[in-house]
């Protein structure tokens, strides 16, 4: 039973890894990187 649960979880996890990030998350990551870079320059 446990092995079956583990296998199902692995399948779901691997499937989600192959999906692209939604554009809104990509935009958010870009904005966060820009803020982080700016803070590095300001120091």
N, C-alpha and C. Protein backbone atom coordinates (compact mmCIF):
# COMPACT_ATOMS: atom_id res chain seq x y z
N UNK A 1 0.83 -1.19 0.00
CA UNK A 1 0.00 0.00 0.00
C UNK A 1 0.87 1.26 0.00
N UNK A 2 1.87 1.28 0.89
CA UNK A 2 2.75 2.45 0.98
C UNK A 2 3.51 2.66 -0.33
N UNK A 3 3.97 1.58 -0.94
CA UNK A 3 4.70 1.68 -2.21
C UNK A 3 3.81 2.27 -3.29
N UNK A 4 2.55 1.91 -3.30
CA UNK A 4 1.61 2.44 -4.29
C UNK A 4 1.39 3.94 -4.07
N UNK A 5 1.26 4.35 -2.84
CA UNK A 5 1.10 5.77 -2.52
C UNK A 5 2.35 6.54 -2.95
N UNK A 6 3.52 5.99 -2.61
CA UNK A 6 4.78 6.64 -3.01
C UNK A 6 4.87 6.80 -4.52
N UNK A 7 4.51 5.75 -5.24
CA UNK A 7 4.58 5.80 -6.70
C UNK A 7 3.62 6.83 -7.27
N UNK A 8 2.42 6.91 -6.72
CA UNK A 8 1.44 7.90 -7.19
C UNK A 8 1.92 9.33 -6.91
N UNK A 9 2.48 9.54 -5.73
CA UNK A 9 3.01 10.87 -5.40
C UNK A 9 4.15 11.26 -6.33
N UNK A 10 5.02 10.33 -6.64
CA UNK A 10 6.12 10.59 -7.56
C UNK A 10 5.60 10.97 -8.94
N UNK A 11 4.60 10.26 -9.40
CA UNK A 11 4.01 10.54 -10.72
C UNK A 11 3.43 11.95 -10.77
N UNK A 12 2.69 12.32 -9.74
CA UNK A 12 2.07 13.64 -9.69
C UNK A 12 3.14 14.72 -9.62
N UNK A 13 4.14 14.51 -8.79
CA UNK A 13 5.22 15.48 -8.63
C UNK A 13 5.99 15.65 -9.94
N UNK A 14 6.35 14.55 -10.59
CA UNK A 14 7.09 14.62 -11.85
C UNK A 14 6.26 15.30 -12.94
N UNK A 15 4.97 15.06 -12.95
CA UNK A 15 4.11 15.70 -13.95
C UNK A 15 4.06 17.20 -13.73
N UNK A 16 4.03 17.62 -12.47
CA UNK A 16 3.96 19.06 -12.20
C UNK A 16 5.29 19.74 -12.51
N UNK A 17 6.40 19.03 -12.40
CA UNK A 17 7.70 19.61 -12.72
C UNK A 17 7.84 19.90 -14.21
N UNK A 18 7.15 19.13 -15.03
CA UNK A 18 7.27 19.31 -16.48
C UNK A 18 6.38 20.44 -17.01
N UNK A 19 5.49 20.95 -16.17
CA UNK A 19 4.61 22.03 -16.60
C UNK A 19 5.34 23.36 -16.57
N UNK A 20 4.99 24.24 -17.49
CA UNK A 20 5.55 25.59 -17.50
C UNK A 20 4.92 26.41 -16.38
N UNK A 21 5.70 27.39 -15.91
CA UNK A 21 5.16 28.33 -14.95
C UNK A 21 4.17 29.26 -15.65
N UNK A 22 3.09 29.62 -14.99
CA UNK A 22 2.18 30.62 -15.57
C UNK A 22 2.92 31.95 -15.76
N UNK A 23 2.50 32.70 -16.76
CA UNK A 23 3.15 33.98 -17.07
C UNK A 23 3.17 34.92 -15.88
N UNK A 24 2.12 34.91 -15.07
CA UNK A 24 2.09 35.84 -13.94
C UNK A 24 3.18 35.50 -12.92
N UNK A 25 3.52 34.21 -12.78
CA UNK A 25 4.61 33.84 -11.88
C UNK A 25 5.96 34.23 -12.47
N UNK A 26 6.10 34.07 -13.78
CA UNK A 26 7.34 34.48 -14.44
C UNK A 26 7.53 35.99 -14.28
N UNK A 27 6.47 36.74 -14.45
CA UNK A 27 6.54 38.20 -14.27
C UNK A 27 6.92 38.56 -12.84
N UNK A 28 6.31 37.88 -11.88
CA UNK A 28 6.62 38.14 -10.48
C UNK A 28 8.08 37.83 -10.17
N UNK A 29 8.58 36.72 -10.68
CA UNK A 29 9.99 36.37 -10.47
C UNK A 29 10.91 37.42 -11.08
N UNK A 30 10.57 37.91 -12.25
CA UNK A 30 11.37 38.96 -12.88
C UNK A 30 11.38 40.23 -12.03
N UNK A 31 10.24 40.59 -11.51
CA UNK A 31 10.16 41.78 -10.66
C UNK A 31 10.98 41.60 -9.38
N UNK A 32 10.91 40.43 -8.79
CA UNK A 32 11.67 40.17 -7.58
C UNK A 32 13.17 40.20 -7.84
N UNK A 33 13.59 39.64 -8.97
CA UNK A 33 15.01 39.68 -9.33
C UNK A 33 15.48 41.11 -9.54
N UNK A 34 14.66 41.92 -10.17
CA UNK A 34 15.02 43.31 -10.41
C UNK A 34 15.18 44.06 -9.10
N UNK A 35 14.29 43.84 -8.16
CA UNK A 35 14.38 44.49 -6.85
C UNK A 35 15.63 44.01 -6.13
N UNK A 36 15.89 42.71 -6.20
CA UNK A 36 17.07 42.16 -5.53
C UNK A 36 18.35 42.73 -6.12
N UNK A 37 18.42 42.86 -7.44
CA UNK A 37 19.60 43.42 -8.09
C UNK A 37 19.77 44.89 -7.70
N UNK A 38 18.68 45.62 -7.64
CA UNK A 38 18.75 47.03 -7.27
C UNK A 38 19.25 47.18 -5.84
N UNK A 39 18.77 46.32 -4.95
CA UNK A 39 19.22 46.38 -3.56
C UNK A 39 20.70 46.05 -3.44
N UNK A 40 21.19 45.16 -4.29
CA UNK A 40 22.61 44.81 -4.28
C UNK A 40 23.46 45.99 -4.74
N UNK A 41 22.97 46.74 -5.72
CA UNK A 41 23.69 47.89 -6.24
C UNK A 41 23.70 49.02 -5.21
N UNK A 42 22.60 49.18 -4.49
CA UNK A 42 22.47 50.27 -3.52
C UNK A 42 23.37 50.07 -2.29
N UNK A 43 23.82 48.88 -2.04
CA UNK A 43 24.62 48.63 -0.83
C UNK A 43 26.04 49.04 -0.99
